[in-house]
Amino acid sequence: MTPPQPPIFIFNKVLYLKMKGDYNRNLAEFLRDNDYNDALENALNTFKDADKLAKMNLTPINPIRLGLNLNTKVASTTKID
């Protein structure tokens, strides 16, 4: 028996927020000073929003949720000047 699936719009919202956070984290790699800090902060806030939604609606072994957790950890260990 497979676990019930969340509505597709919730899955898509989590995926969108994950990709938005990834974009901001990658953008931060090319920026300096305040722009760097702003992009990294935006990434972390977006990951936090995605994580809240994912924890309520996606199973712990969902590939999007696992990727989100990994990317959140990478972004949170990145140095903020």
Protein backbone atom coordinates (compact mmCIF):
# COMPACT_ATOMS: atom_id res chain seq x y z
CA MET A 1 0.00 0.00 0.00
CA THR A 2 1.40 3.37 -0.99
CA PRO A 3 1.01 6.40 1.26
CA PRO A 4 -1.55 9.00 0.19
CA GLN A 5 -0.16 11.66 -2.11
CA PRO A 6 -0.49 15.38 -1.38
CA PRO A 7 -2.45 17.50 -3.83
CA ILE A 8 -0.31 18.31 -6.85
CA PHE A 9 -0.40 22.06 -6.15
CA ILE A 10 1.27 21.54 -2.75
CA PHE A 11 3.96 19.37 -4.30
CA ASN A 12 4.52 22.00 -6.99
CA LYS A 13 4.66 24.81 -4.41
CA VAL A 14 7.34 22.99 -2.38
CA LEU A 15 9.31 22.30 -5.56
CA TYR A 16 9.02 25.94 -6.65
CA LEU A 17 10.20 27.24 -3.28
CA LYS A 18 13.11 24.77 -3.27
CA MET A 19 14.18 25.92 -6.73
CA LYS A 20 13.82 29.59 -5.72
CA GLY A 21 16.03 28.96 -2.69
CA ASP A 22 18.57 27.12 -4.87
CA TYR A 23 18.63 30.06 -7.28
CA ASN A 24 19.32 32.56 -4.49
CA ARG A 25 21.99 30.33 -2.93
CA ASN A 26 23.74 29.94 -6.28
CA LEU A 27 23.40 33.66 -6.99
CA ALA A 28 25.10 34.43 -3.68
CA GLU A 29 28.22 32.62 -4.91
CA PHE A 30 28.79 35.40 -7.46
CA LEU A 31 27.97 38.38 -5.24
CA ARG A 32 29.92 40.25 -2.60
CA ASP A 33 29.25 42.07 0.66
CA ASN A 34 25.64 43.12 1.29
CA ASP A 35 24.34 41.61 -1.96
CA TYR A 36 25.84 38.28 -0.94
CA ASN A 37 24.24 38.44 2.50
CA ASP A 38 20.86 39.44 1.05
CA ALA A 39 20.85 36.59 -1.48
CA LEU A 40 21.86 34.03 1.14
CA GLU A 41 19.26 35.33 3.59
CA ASN A 42 16.59 35.12 0.87
CA ALA A 43 17.64 31.53 0.17
CA LEU A 44 17.41 30.55 3.83
CA ASN A 45 14.00 32.20 4.26
CA THR A 46 12.68 30.50 1.13
CA PHE A 47 14.01 27.13 2.30
CA LYS A 48 12.33 27.68 5.67
CA ASP A 49 8.97 28.37 4.00
CA ALA A 50 9.34 25.29 1.79
CA ASP A 51 10.31 23.16 4.78
CA LYS A 52 7.19 24.18 6.74
CA LEU A 53 4.99 23.19 3.81
CA ALA A 54 6.92 19.99 3.14
CA LYS A 55 6.76 18.80 6.76
CA MET A 56 2.98 19.18 6.78
CA ASN A 57 2.31 17.54 3.43
CA LEU A 58 5.17 15.37 2.14
CA THR A 59 6.43 12.07 3.50
CA PRO A 60 9.91 12.05 5.08
CA ILE A 61 11.24 9.95 2.18
CA ASN A 62 9.84 12.18 -0.57
CA PRO A 63 12.72 13.04 -2.96
CA ILE A 64 11.80 16.73 -3.05
CA ARG A 65 11.74 16.91 0.74
CA LEU A 66 15.08 15.09 1.00
CA GLY A 67 16.66 17.45 -1.54
CA LEU A 68 15.21 20.41 0.30
CA ASN A 69 16.76 19.23 3.57
CA LEU A 70 20.14 18.75 1.92
CA ASN A 71 20.10 22.16 0.22
CA THR A 72 18.95 23.87 3.41
CA LYS A 73 21.89 22.37 5.28
CA VAL A 74 24.34 23.47 2.59
CA ALA A 75 22.96 27.02 2.63
CA SER A 76 22.90 27.24 6.42
CA THR A 77 26.55 26.19 6.71
CA THR A 78 27.62 28.78 4.16
CA LYS A 79 29.46 31.66 5.77
CA ILE A 80 27.60 34.94 6.13
CA ASP A 81 30.02 37.86 6.39
